[in-house]
Amino acid sequence: MVRTISSSPQQTLFSTSLFSSSGGFPSSNFSIRRPYSFSGTSAAKFPIRAVSLGTTEPEIRSKNPIRSGFDVENLTTWLLKQEQSGQIDAELTIVLSSISLACKQIASLLQRSSIINLTGAHGTMNVQGEDQKKLDVISNELFCSCLRSSGRTGIIASEEEDVPVAVEETYSGNYVVVFDPIDGSANIDTALTTGSIFGIYAPDKQCLFDIDDDSVLNQEEQKCIMNVCQPGNNLLAAGYCLYSSSVVFTISIGKGVFAFTLDPTYGEFVLTHPNIKIPTLGKIYSFNEGNYDLWDDKLQKYIDHLRQPTSSGKSYSGRYIGCLVGEIHRMLLVGGIYGNPANVNNKNGNLRLLYECAPMSYLVEQAGGKAIDGQRRILDIEPTKIHQRSPIFIGSSEEVEKLQKFLA
């Protein structure tokens, strides 16, 4: 029962359970203007929750939230909160949700790949001349299907596709989505770390057009599709999904970096790492040192410096996973530096600017880190080709600054 009393100088409200002697039902409300007591004992000795009159219980709870061990925030709830606060619109919420669905499906296939014969090569090559794994092809189809069915994607560009694709089923939104469906696919057959990477750009209002199944794109429409070549500075959102001992969906919408871990019991991504901040320093470097002799002298001197023990007798630790998603995920949590530099055989490096370098640089900068190609900030580079490659050095801010001094 909720009853009101006045306890000078302020009237207060509290709850108690009084039963009438007749039927055991709560007695009616009543007001008194004296200290309430039981058998001569002051009510002050009883644990009574008092609040100002006119303040409702939900208002109290919102000001003083009590979290239990069962309180969790899943990705859907988090996205809706961002929408309600004006950080993103409803269209982008749907696009991000469709990407998370694709990641869940890919995670499930990876876990069963050896069982359902999805390991090994597909027998085809992508536009970069790389042998495609079976899951490269299937994951690309899953991403495209989820994005098309969202009805909010206008143009899709994939590392596995020759050219960007205009989506016919778009109802609204018309976002440009770029992605690498499986990063580190060479790790699939040995059940090592893999991942997916994505970036989302705003729609170009000058490039909204209807397209039929049998239509042929004119020059203007082809030019619109090529507008997918935007610098990382234009990204509205970016993220990755890590497939390892846990499945982790990490995202930024320009207001920090947040990571959600897939709870297999419920099939939901649950917030586990809010507002990630990369340490300014680290003790891990990640370079493919098998290419050491192919690097220029300045970079070799930097690596030699990292190998030398410090005054405390400890040197940097070398770690190389062979999966950009795995490297960046570790770096966001513990700091360090990752490098995929140009070499004698690959003058522009190995990684794609649009699908890998830009989205990951966006995430790392949102977490307080830095990303460069050796001279320029990665996010300032404007692609001139869909599958353009770029060297990249990315990680803790002070580690990248130290590298810049060696490369200067």
Protein backbone atom coordinates (compact mmCIF):
# COMPACT_ATOMS: atom_id res chain seq x y z
CA MET A 1 0.00 0.00 0.00
CA VAL A 2 1.16 3.52 -0.70
CA ARG A 3 0.30 5.88 2.11
CA THR A 4 1.06 9.53 2.65
CA ILE A 5 2.19 11.13 5.87
CA SER A 6 3.61 14.48 6.80
CA SER A 7 6.86 14.54 8.69
CA SER A 8 7.79 18.10 9.39
CA PRO A 9 9.07 20.07 7.69
CA GLN A 10 8.43 18.14 4.43
CA GLN A 11 5.60 15.79 3.48
CA THR A 12 6.91 12.35 2.50
CA LEU A 13 5.64 9.22 0.86
CA PHE A 14 6.39 5.62 1.78
CA SER A 15 5.13 2.07 1.30
CA THR A 16 4.07 -0.47 3.90
CA SER A 17 1.72 -3.44 4.04
CA LEU A 18 -1.14 -3.12 6.52
CA PHE A 19 -4.02 -5.51 6.54
CA SER A 20 -7.48 -4.92 8.00
CA SER A 21 -8.56 -7.24 10.81
CA SER A 22 -11.73 -8.19 8.94
CA GLY A 23 -10.64 -9.74 5.68
CA GLY A 24 -6.86 -9.45 5.40
CA PHE A 25 -7.14 -6.89 2.57
CA PRO A 26 -5.05 -3.74 2.60
CA SER A 27 -6.69 -0.92 4.48
CA SER A 28 -7.63 2.32 2.77
CA ASN A 29 -5.29 5.28 2.30
CA PHE A 30 -5.08 7.70 5.16
CA SER A 31 -3.14 10.82 6.11
CA ILE A 32 -1.73 11.73 9.48
CA ARG A 33 0.41 14.56 10.71
CA ARG A 34 2.39 12.94 13.49
CA PRO A 35 5.31 10.51 13.57
CA TYR A 36 4.00 7.04 12.70
CA SER A 37 4.76 4.37 15.32
CA PHE A 38 4.15 0.72 16.10
CA SER A 39 3.64 -0.14 19.80
CA GLY A 40 5.42 2.98 20.88
CA THR A 41 8.41 2.38 18.59
CA SER A 42 9.37 5.25 16.33
CA ALA A 43 8.96 4.59 12.62
CA ALA A 44 12.43 5.97 12.12
CA LYS A 45 13.78 2.62 13.32
CA PHE A 46 12.07 0.80 10.44
CA PRO A 47 13.73 0.70 6.98
CA ILE A 48 11.31 3.00 5.12
CA ARG A 49 12.07 4.35 1.64
CA ALA A 50 11.09 8.03 1.60
CA VAL A 51 10.82 10.31 -1.42
CA SER A 52 9.46 13.75 -2.06
CA LEU A 53 5.75 13.88 -2.81
CA GLY A 54 5.09 14.14 -6.53
CA THR A 55 8.14 12.11 -7.50
CA THR A 56 7.18 8.82 -9.10
CA GLU A 57 8.96 5.54 -8.56
CA PRO A 58 10.18 5.25 -12.21
CA GLU A 59 11.80 8.69 -11.87
CA ILE A 60 13.66 7.53 -8.78
CA ARG A 61 14.97 4.46 -10.53
CA SER A 62 16.15 6.42 -13.54
CA LYS A 63 18.21 8.72 -11.34
CA ASN A 64 19.64 5.89 -9.26
CA PRO A 65 19.76 2.81 -11.49
CA ILE A 66 20.42 -0.45 -9.73
CA ARG A 67 22.07 -2.97 -12.04
CA SER A 68 21.95 -6.67 -11.34
CA GLY A 69 24.07 -9.48 -12.71
CA PHE A 70 21.31 -10.20 -15.23
CA ASP A 71 21.36 -6.73 -16.79
CA VAL A 72 22.77 -6.89 -20.33
CA GLU A 73 22.60 -4.57 -23.31
CA ASN A 74 22.47 -6.23 -26.68
CA LEU A 75 23.40 -4.72 -30.03
CA THR A 76 19.79 -4.08 -31.07
CA THR A 77 19.04 -2.15 -27.88
CA TRP A 78 22.27 -0.17 -28.21
CA LEU A 79 21.51 0.78 -31.81
CA LEU A 80 17.99 1.90 -30.88
CA LYS A 81 19.43 4.09 -28.11
CA GLN A 82 21.80 5.70 -30.62
CA GLU A 83 18.85 6.31 -32.92
CA GLN A 84 16.76 7.84 -30.13
CA SER A 85 19.61 10.16 -29.16
CA GLY A 86 20.00 11.35 -32.76
CA GLN A 87 23.43 9.78 -33.37
CA ILE A 88 22.15 7.70 -36.30
CA ASP A 89 18.90 7.49 -38.22
CA ALA A 90 16.50 4.55 -38.53
CA GLU A 91 17.85 3.65 -41.96
CA LEU A 92 21.42 3.23 -40.73
CA THR A 93 20.16 1.21 -37.76
CA ILE A 94 18.63 -1.29 -40.18
CA VAL A 95 21.80 -1.49 -42.29
CA LEU A 96 23.96 -2.18 -39.23
CA SER A 97 21.51 -4.79 -37.99
CA SER A 98 21.59 -6.54 -41.37
CA ILE A 99 25.41 -6.65 -41.23
CA SER A 100 25.33 -8.18 -37.75
CA LEU A 101 22.95 -10.85 -39.06
CA ALA A 102 25.38 -11.70 -41.86
CA CYS A 103 28.17 -12.00 -39.28
CA LYS A 104 26.13 -14.44 -37.19
CA GLN A 105 25.53 -16.62 -40.24
CA ILE A 106 29.22 -16.56 -41.21
CA ALA A 107 30.24 -17.42 -37.63
CA SER A 108 27.96 -20.44 -37.70
CA LEU A 109 29.41 -21.66 -41.00
CA LEU A 110 32.99 -21.22 -39.79
CA GLN A 111 32.31 -23.27 -36.68
CA ARG A 112 31.01 -26.14 -38.82
CA SER A 113 33.23 -25.68 -41.89
CA SER A 114 35.21 -28.89 -41.43
CA ILE A 115 32.05 -30.86 -40.75
CA ILE A 116 30.05 -29.63 -43.75
CA ASN A 117 33.00 -29.62 -46.18
CA LEU A 118 33.44 -25.87 -46.52
CA THR A 119 37.22 -25.88 -46.19
CA GLY A 120 39.63 -25.70 -49.11
CA ALA A 121 39.70 -23.72 -52.32
CA HIS A 122 36.65 -22.85 -54.39
CA GLY A 123 38.56 -23.20 -57.64
CA THR A 124 38.12 -19.58 -58.70
CA MET A 125 40.14 -16.38 -58.43
CA ASN A 126 38.97 -12.92 -57.40
CA VAL A 127 39.70 -9.70 -59.26
CA GLN A 128 43.04 -9.34 -57.46
CA GLY A 129 44.18 -12.70 -58.79
CA GLU A 130 43.89 -14.42 -55.41
CA ASP A 131 42.59 -17.97 -55.04
CA GLN A 132 39.18 -17.89 -53.40
CA LYS A 133 38.24 -20.19 -50.56
CA LYS A 134 34.79 -21.75 -50.51
CA LEU A 135 33.81 -19.54 -47.59
CA ASP A 136 35.08 -16.43 -49.40
CA VAL A 137 32.38 -16.97 -52.00
CA ILE A 138 29.63 -18.03 -49.60
CA SER A 139 30.34 -15.22 -47.11
CA ASN A 140 30.26 -12.67 -49.90
CA GLU A 141 26.82 -13.94 -50.94
CA LEU A 142 25.59 -13.81 -47.34
CA PHE A 143 26.71 -10.21 -46.93
CA CYS A 144 25.14 -9.16 -50.23
CA SER A 145 21.89 -10.97 -49.45
CA CYS A 146 21.51 -9.41 -46.00
CA LEU A 147 22.29 -5.94 -47.30
CA ARG A 148 19.87 -6.27 -50.22
CA SER A 149 17.06 -7.56 -48.02
CA SER A 150 17.47 -4.60 -45.66
CA GLY A 151 16.08 -2.35 -48.40
CA ARG A 152 18.30 0.50 -47.22
CA THR A 153 21.47 -0.11 -49.21
CA GLY A 154 22.02 1.60 -52.54
CA ILE A 155 25.50 0.44 -53.57
CA ILE A 156 27.49 -2.58 -52.39
CA ALA A 157 31.23 -2.92 -52.98
CA SER A 158 33.03 -6.10 -51.96
CA GLU A 159 36.63 -7.15 -52.08
CA GLU A 160 35.42 -10.31 -53.82
CA GLU A 161 33.49 -8.49 -56.57
CA ASP A 162 34.97 -7.02 -59.74
CA VAL A 163 32.85 -3.85 -59.60
CA PRO A 164 30.39 -2.23 -57.17
CA VAL A 165 26.81 -3.42 -57.39
CA ALA A 166 23.71 -1.22 -57.48
CA VAL A 167 20.89 -2.68 -55.38
CA GLU A 168 17.52 -2.86 -57.11
CA GLU A 169 15.48 -3.56 -53.96
CA THR A 170 16.27 -0.29 -52.22
CA TYR A 171 13.23 1.38 -50.63
CA SER A 172 15.05 4.18 -48.80
CA GLY A 173 18.43 4.92 -47.27
CA ASN A 174 20.68 4.22 -50.28
CA TYR A 175 23.80 3.85 -48.15
CA VAL A 176 27.08 2.83 -49.73
CA VAL A 177 28.49 -0.25 -47.97
CA VAL A 178 32.00 -1.60 -48.56
CA PHE A 179 33.20 -4.84 -47.01
CA ASP A 180 35.67 -7.69 -46.91
CA PRO A 181 33.47 -10.71 -46.13
CA ILE A 182 36.30 -12.94 -44.86
CA ASP A 183 39.58 -11.39 -43.79
CA GLY A 184 42.36 -13.91 -43.23
CA SER A 185 40.64 -16.65 -45.20
CA ALA A 186 43.95 -18.55 -45.41
CA ASN A 187 43.36 -19.34 -41.72
CA ILE A 188 40.06 -21.16 -42.33
CA ASP A 189 41.48 -24.61 -43.05
CA THR A 190 43.51 -24.57 -39.82
CA ALA A 191 40.67 -23.14 -37.69
CA LEU A 192 42.61 -19.99 -36.83
CA THR A 193 41.36 -16.42 -36.43
CA THR A 194 39.36 -14.82 -39.25
CA GLY A 195 37.06 -11.82 -39.49
CA SER A 196 34.80 -9.56 -41.53
CA ILE A 197 35.35 -5.83 -42.11
CA PHE A 198 32.84 -3.21 -43.22
CA GLY A 199 32.48 0.52 -43.77
CA ILE A 200 29.37 2.61 -44.48
CA TYR A 201 29.24 5.87 -46.42
CA ALA A 202 26.38 8.34 -46.79
CA PRO A 203 24.27 8.15 -49.96
CA ASP A 204 24.99 10.64 -52.71
CA LYS A 205 21.63 12.35 -53.40
CA GLN A 206 22.76 13.15 -56.91
CA CYS A 207 23.25 9.46 -57.56
CA LEU A 208 19.89 8.01 -56.62
CA PHE A 209 18.33 6.20 -59.56
CA ASP A 210 16.03 3.31 -60.33
CA ILE A 211 17.45 0.26 -62.01
CA ASP A 212 15.64 -2.66 -63.59
CA ASP A 213 16.96 -6.20 -63.81
CA ASP A 214 17.58 -5.92 -67.55
CA SER A 215 18.70 -2.29 -67.70
CA VAL A 216 22.12 -1.21 -68.85
CA LEU A 217 23.85 1.51 -66.86
CA ASN A 218 24.64 4.68 -68.77
CA GLN A 219 27.79 6.71 -68.16
CA GLU A 220 26.17 8.88 -65.50
CA GLU A 221 24.94 5.87 -63.57
CA GLN A 222 28.32 4.16 -63.87
CA LYS A 223 29.93 7.29 -62.49
CA CYS A 224 27.52 7.23 -59.56
CA ILE A 225 28.50 3.70 -58.71
CA MET A 226 32.14 4.68 -58.84
CA ASN A 227 31.39 7.25 -56.13
CA VAL A 228 32.05 4.40 -53.76
CA CYS A 229 35.67 5.60 -53.97
CA GLN A 230 35.51 7.96 -51.00
CA PRO A 231 38.18 8.80 -48.42
CA GLY A 232 37.88 7.28 -44.96
CA ASN A 233 37.09 10.72 -43.56
CA ASN A 234 33.62 10.36 -45.12
CA LEU A 235 32.75 7.18 -43.23
CA LEU A 236 29.56 7.26 -41.19
CA ALA A 237 30.26 3.96 -39.48
CA ALA A 238 32.78 1.13 -39.62
CA GLY A 239 33.45 -2.09 -37.84
CA TYR A 240 34.55 -5.67 -37.91
CA CYS A 241 33.46 -9.06 -36.66
CA LEU A 242 36.11 -11.32 -35.12
CA TYR A 243 35.64 -15.08 -35.46
CA SER A 244 37.83 -16.77 -32.87
CA SER A 245 37.36 -18.29 -29.40
CA SER A 246 34.61 -15.65 -29.17
CA VAL A 247 32.65 -13.91 -31.90
CA VAL A 248 33.07 -10.18 -31.34
CA PHE A 249 31.24 -7.46 -33.27
CA THR A 250 33.09 -4.14 -32.92
CA ILE A 251 31.60 -0.91 -34.22
CA SER A 252 32.00 2.85 -34.29
CA ILE A 253 29.45 5.41 -35.47
CA GLY A 254 31.83 8.31 -34.85
CA LYS A 255 31.31 8.44 -31.08
CA GLY A 256 33.88 5.97 -29.73
CA VAL A 257 34.37 2.24 -30.24
CA PHE A 258 32.10 -0.44 -28.75
CA ALA A 259 32.49 -4.23 -28.86
CA PHE A 260 29.71 -6.80 -28.52
CA THR A 261 30.34 -10.49 -27.86
CA LEU A 262 28.00 -13.11 -29.28
CA ASP A 263 26.21 -15.07 -26.57
CA PRO A 264 25.60 -18.45 -28.26
CA THR A 265 22.90 -19.33 -25.72
CA TYR A 266 20.60 -16.57 -26.98
CA GLY A 267 22.15 -15.77 -30.36
CA GLU A 268 22.58 -12.10 -29.37
CA PHE A 269 25.55 -9.74 -29.48
CA VAL A 270 25.97 -8.40 -25.93
CA LEU A 271 27.90 -5.23 -25.03
CA THR A 272 31.14 -6.32 -23.34
CA HIS A 273 33.62 -3.54 -24.14
CA PRO A 274 32.05 -0.06 -23.93
CA ASN A 275 33.98 2.95 -25.24
CA ILE A 276 37.30 1.23 -25.94
CA LYS A 277 40.43 3.37 -25.56
CA ILE A 278 43.63 2.03 -27.07
CA PRO A 279 46.68 2.40 -24.75
CA THR A 280 49.05 5.13 -25.95
CA LEU A 281 51.97 2.69 -25.70
CA GLY A 282 52.28 -1.06 -26.19
CA LYS A 283 54.84 -3.84 -26.11
CA ILE A 284 53.65 -5.87 -29.09
CA TYR A 285 54.57 -5.32 -32.73
CA SER A 286 53.00 -7.24 -35.58
CA PHE A 287 54.81 -7.34 -38.92
CA ASN A 288 55.35 -10.24 -41.31
CA GLU A 289 59.08 -10.43 -40.69
CA GLY A 290 59.43 -13.04 -43.41
CA ASN A 291 59.57 -10.00 -45.72
CA TYR A 292 62.28 -8.23 -43.69
CA ASP A 293 64.87 -8.37 -46.48
CA LEU A 294 62.36 -6.83 -48.90
CA TRP A 295 61.77 -3.70 -46.80
CA ASP A 296 63.67 -0.42 -47.10
CA ASP A 297 66.55 0.39 -44.76
CA LYS A 298 64.60 2.83 -42.57
CA LEU A 299 61.94 0.27 -41.74
CA GLN A 300 64.57 -2.40 -41.08
CA LYS A 301 66.27 -0.09 -38.57
CA TYR A 302 62.94 0.45 -36.83
CA ILE A 303 62.37 -3.30 -36.51
CA ASP A 304 65.95 -3.75 -35.25
CA HIS A 305 65.23 -1.10 -32.63
CA LEU A 306 62.13 -2.96 -31.42
CA ARG A 307 64.11 -6.17 -31.09
CA GLN A 308 66.68 -4.62 -28.78
CA PRO A 309 66.14 -5.16 -25.02
CA THR A 310 65.29 -2.02 -23.05
CA SER A 311 67.07 -0.86 -19.90
CA SER A 312 64.80 -3.19 -17.94
CA GLY A 313 66.00 -6.12 -20.03
CA LYS A 314 62.68 -6.56 -21.82
CA SER A 315 62.12 -6.10 -25.54
CA TYR A 316 58.99 -5.88 -27.61
CA SER A 317 57.12 -9.09 -28.32
CA GLY A 318 56.47 -10.05 -31.93
CA ARG A 319 53.00 -11.40 -32.75
CA TYR A 320 51.63 -12.11 -36.21
CA ILE A 321 48.20 -13.72 -36.72
CA GLY A 322 47.85 -13.32 -40.47
CA CYS A 323 44.42 -11.72 -40.03
CA LEU A 324 44.00 -7.95 -39.89
CA VAL A 325 40.86 -8.22 -37.74
CA GLY A 326 42.71 -10.27 -35.13
CA GLU A 327 45.66 -7.88 -35.11
CA ILE A 328 43.49 -4.79 -34.67
CA HIS A 329 41.28 -6.38 -32.02
CA ARG A 330 44.26 -7.27 -29.86
CA MET A 331 45.78 -3.84 -30.40
CA LEU A 332 42.61 -2.01 -29.37
CA LEU A 333 42.67 -3.85 -26.04
CA VAL A 334 46.39 -3.99 -25.16
CA GLY A 335 48.10 -1.48 -27.49
CA GLY A 336 51.04 -1.90 -29.86
CA ILE A 337 51.60 -1.42 -33.57
CA TYR A 338 50.73 -3.35 -36.72
CA GLY A 339 52.41 -2.85 -40.06
CA ASN A 340 51.81 -4.08 -43.60
CA PRO A 341 54.42 -2.07 -45.49
CA ALA A 342 55.35 -1.80 -49.12
CA ASN A 343 58.18 -4.04 -50.24
CA VAL A 344 60.24 -4.80 -53.30
CA ASN A 345 57.58 -7.11 -54.71
CA ASN A 346 54.52 -5.07 -53.65
CA LYS A 347 55.19 -1.36 -54.08
CA ASN A 348 51.73 -0.45 -52.72
CA GLY A 349 51.47 -2.99 -49.93
CA ASN A 350 49.03 -5.89 -49.75
CA LEU A 351 45.89 -4.51 -48.11
CA ARG A 352 42.97 -2.83 -49.88
CA LEU A 353 42.47 0.80 -48.97
CA LEU A 354 38.68 0.82 -49.33
CA TYR A 355 37.76 -2.47 -47.69
CA GLU A 356 40.46 -2.91 -45.04
CA CYS A 357 42.71 0.08 -44.37
CA ALA A 358 40.10 2.86 -44.19
CA PRO A 359 37.52 1.10 -41.95
CA MET A 360 40.20 -0.14 -39.54
CA SER A 361 41.89 3.27 -39.43
CA TYR A 362 38.53 4.86 -38.64
CA LEU A 363 38.05 2.48 -35.70
CA VAL A 364 41.55 2.93 -34.32
CA GLU A 365 41.38 6.72 -34.52
CA GLN A 366 38.01 6.66 -32.76
CA ALA A 367 39.74 4.72 -29.97
CA GLY A 368 42.58 7.28 -29.74
CA GLY A 369 45.17 5.61 -31.98
CA LYS A 370 46.79 6.55 -35.30
CA ALA A 371 47.04 5.09 -38.80
CA ILE A 372 49.38 6.17 -41.62
CA ASP A 373 50.73 4.80 -44.90
CA GLY A 374 54.23 5.92 -43.96
CA GLN A 375 53.75 9.60 -44.80
CA ARG A 376 50.04 10.36 -44.92
CA ARG A 377 47.11 9.74 -42.64
CA ILE A 378 45.16 6.80 -44.06
CA LEU A 379 41.77 8.51 -43.69
CA ASP A 380 42.93 11.42 -45.87
CA ILE A 381 43.71 9.23 -48.87
CA GLU A 382 41.08 9.34 -51.61
CA PRO A 383 40.95 6.10 -53.61
CA THR A 384 41.20 6.35 -57.37
CA LYS A 385 40.44 2.66 -57.93
CA ILE A 386 37.96 0.31 -56.30
CA HIS A 387 40.61 -2.25 -55.35
CA GLN A 388 43.45 0.17 -54.69
CA ARG A 389 46.07 -1.09 -52.22
CA SER A 390 47.97 0.85 -49.60
CA PRO A 391 50.75 0.31 -47.07
CA ILE A 392 49.54 0.76 -43.50
CA PHE A 393 51.03 1.31 -40.06
CA ILE A 394 48.42 1.43 -37.35
CA GLY A 395 48.21 1.28 -33.57
CA SER A 396 48.92 3.15 -30.36
CA SER A 397 49.54 6.85 -30.94
CA GLU A 398 53.04 7.00 -29.43
CA GLU A 399 54.11 3.81 -31.18
CA VAL A 400 53.09 5.19 -34.58
CA GLU A 401 54.83 8.51 -33.80
CA LYS A 402 58.01 6.61 -32.95
CA LEU A 403 57.84 4.82 -36.31
CA GLN A 404 57.36 8.14 -38.13
CA LYS A 405 60.68 9.38 -36.72
CA PHE A 406 62.48 6.36 -38.21
CA LEU A 407 60.75 6.78 -41.58
CA ALA A 408 61.34 10.55 -41.80
